[in-house]
Amino acid sequence: MSFEEDDEVVLHDKHSEYDGETGTVTQVVDTMFGEPNYTVSFDDGQEAGVPEDNLELAEDDESEEDPDEGDDEERDDA
């Protein structure tokens, strides 16, 4: 799976201080072998040169919950 800029991803790299953290893809660069490497920004820094195999798309739990919460609020106001 390839990622695009602004995708929310989870980094899996036991050698990184950001292992297991969710960040945002800020740059996609193709290597000379035609494979993408990513720069991922986190709250307190960034990790560059991350291969695709070390990333997974972050689950979007918050945005799934927000519409439900909005519906509840509308029912309370009615």
Protein backbone atom coordinates (compact mmCIF):
# COMPACT_ATOMS: atom_id res chain seq x y z
CA MET A 1 0.00 0.00 0.00
CA SER A 2 1.39 3.38 -0.89
CA PHE A 3 0.77 6.50 1.12
CA GLU A 4 0.22 10.11 0.13
CA GLU A 5 1.07 13.39 1.81
CA ASP A 6 -1.20 14.20 4.77
CA ASP A 7 -1.99 10.51 5.42
CA GLU A 8 -2.02 9.55 9.10
CA VAL A 9 0.29 6.57 9.61
CA VAL A 10 1.76 4.46 12.41
CA LEU A 11 5.53 3.92 12.33
CA HIS A 12 6.87 0.44 13.07
CA ASP A 13 10.65 0.63 13.52
CA LYS A 14 12.18 -0.71 16.72
CA HIS A 15 15.27 1.45 16.13
CA SER A 16 13.27 4.69 15.99
CA GLU A 17 12.30 6.81 18.97
CA TYR A 18 8.89 7.16 17.28
CA ASP A 19 8.19 3.40 17.08
CA GLY A 20 4.46 2.79 17.49
CA GLU A 21 3.56 6.47 17.25
CA THR A 22 1.09 8.02 14.83
CA GLY A 23 2.34 10.76 12.54
CA THR A 24 1.57 12.53 9.27
CA VAL A 25 3.27 11.85 5.94
CA THR A 26 4.81 15.16 4.89
CA GLN A 27 6.91 14.06 1.93
CA VAL A 28 7.10 11.14 -0.51
CA VAL A 29 10.35 10.54 -2.42
CA ASP A 30 11.00 7.73 -4.89
CA THR A 31 14.35 5.99 -4.50
CA MET A 32 16.55 5.19 -7.49
CA PHE A 33 14.99 1.72 -7.35
CA GLY A 34 11.51 3.17 -7.85
CA GLU A 35 10.34 2.49 -4.31
CA PRO A 36 8.87 5.29 -2.19
CA ASN A 37 10.49 6.58 1.00
CA TYR A 38 8.51 8.77 3.35
CA THR A 39 9.11 11.63 5.74
CA VAL A 40 6.72 11.39 8.68
CA SER A 41 6.14 14.25 11.12
CA PHE A 42 5.25 13.64 14.74
CA ASP A 43 4.30 16.04 17.54
CA ASP A 44 7.92 16.36 18.69
CA GLY A 45 9.95 15.78 15.51
CA GLN A 46 10.14 13.84 12.28
CA GLU A 47 11.56 10.67 10.79
CA ALA A 48 12.94 10.77 7.22
CA GLY A 49 13.71 7.98 4.77
CA VAL A 50 11.06 5.63 6.12
CA PRO A 51 10.36 2.67 3.82
CA GLU A 52 6.77 1.75 3.01
CA ASP A 53 7.07 -1.57 4.88
CA ASN A 54 7.56 0.31 8.17
CA LEU A 55 4.27 2.18 7.92
CA GLU A 56 0.62 1.29 8.29
CA LEU A 57 -2.40 3.50 7.82
CA ALA A 58 -3.62 4.79 11.17
CA GLU A 59 -7.14 3.80 12.13
CA ASP A 60 -9.43 6.77 11.95
CA ASP A 61 -11.34 6.09 15.18
CA GLU A 62 -11.77 9.74 16.09
CA SER A 63 -13.51 10.80 12.89
CA GLU A 64 -15.80 7.76 13.10
CA GLU A 65 -16.85 8.79 16.62
CA ASP A 66 -17.28 12.49 15.87
CA PRO A 67 -20.31 12.15 13.55
CA ASP A 68 -22.05 9.94 16.13
CA GLU A 69 -21.39 12.49 18.84
CA GLY A 70 -22.77 15.23 16.60
CA ASP A 71 -25.97 13.24 16.09
CA ASP A 72 -26.38 12.84 19.85
CA GLU A 73 -25.96 16.57 20.36
CA GLU A 74 -28.61 17.32 17.73
CA ARG A 75 -31.06 14.98 19.44
CA ASP A 76 -30.42 16.67 22.79
CA ASP A 77 -31.19 20.08 21.31
CA ALA A 78 -34.42 18.95 19.63
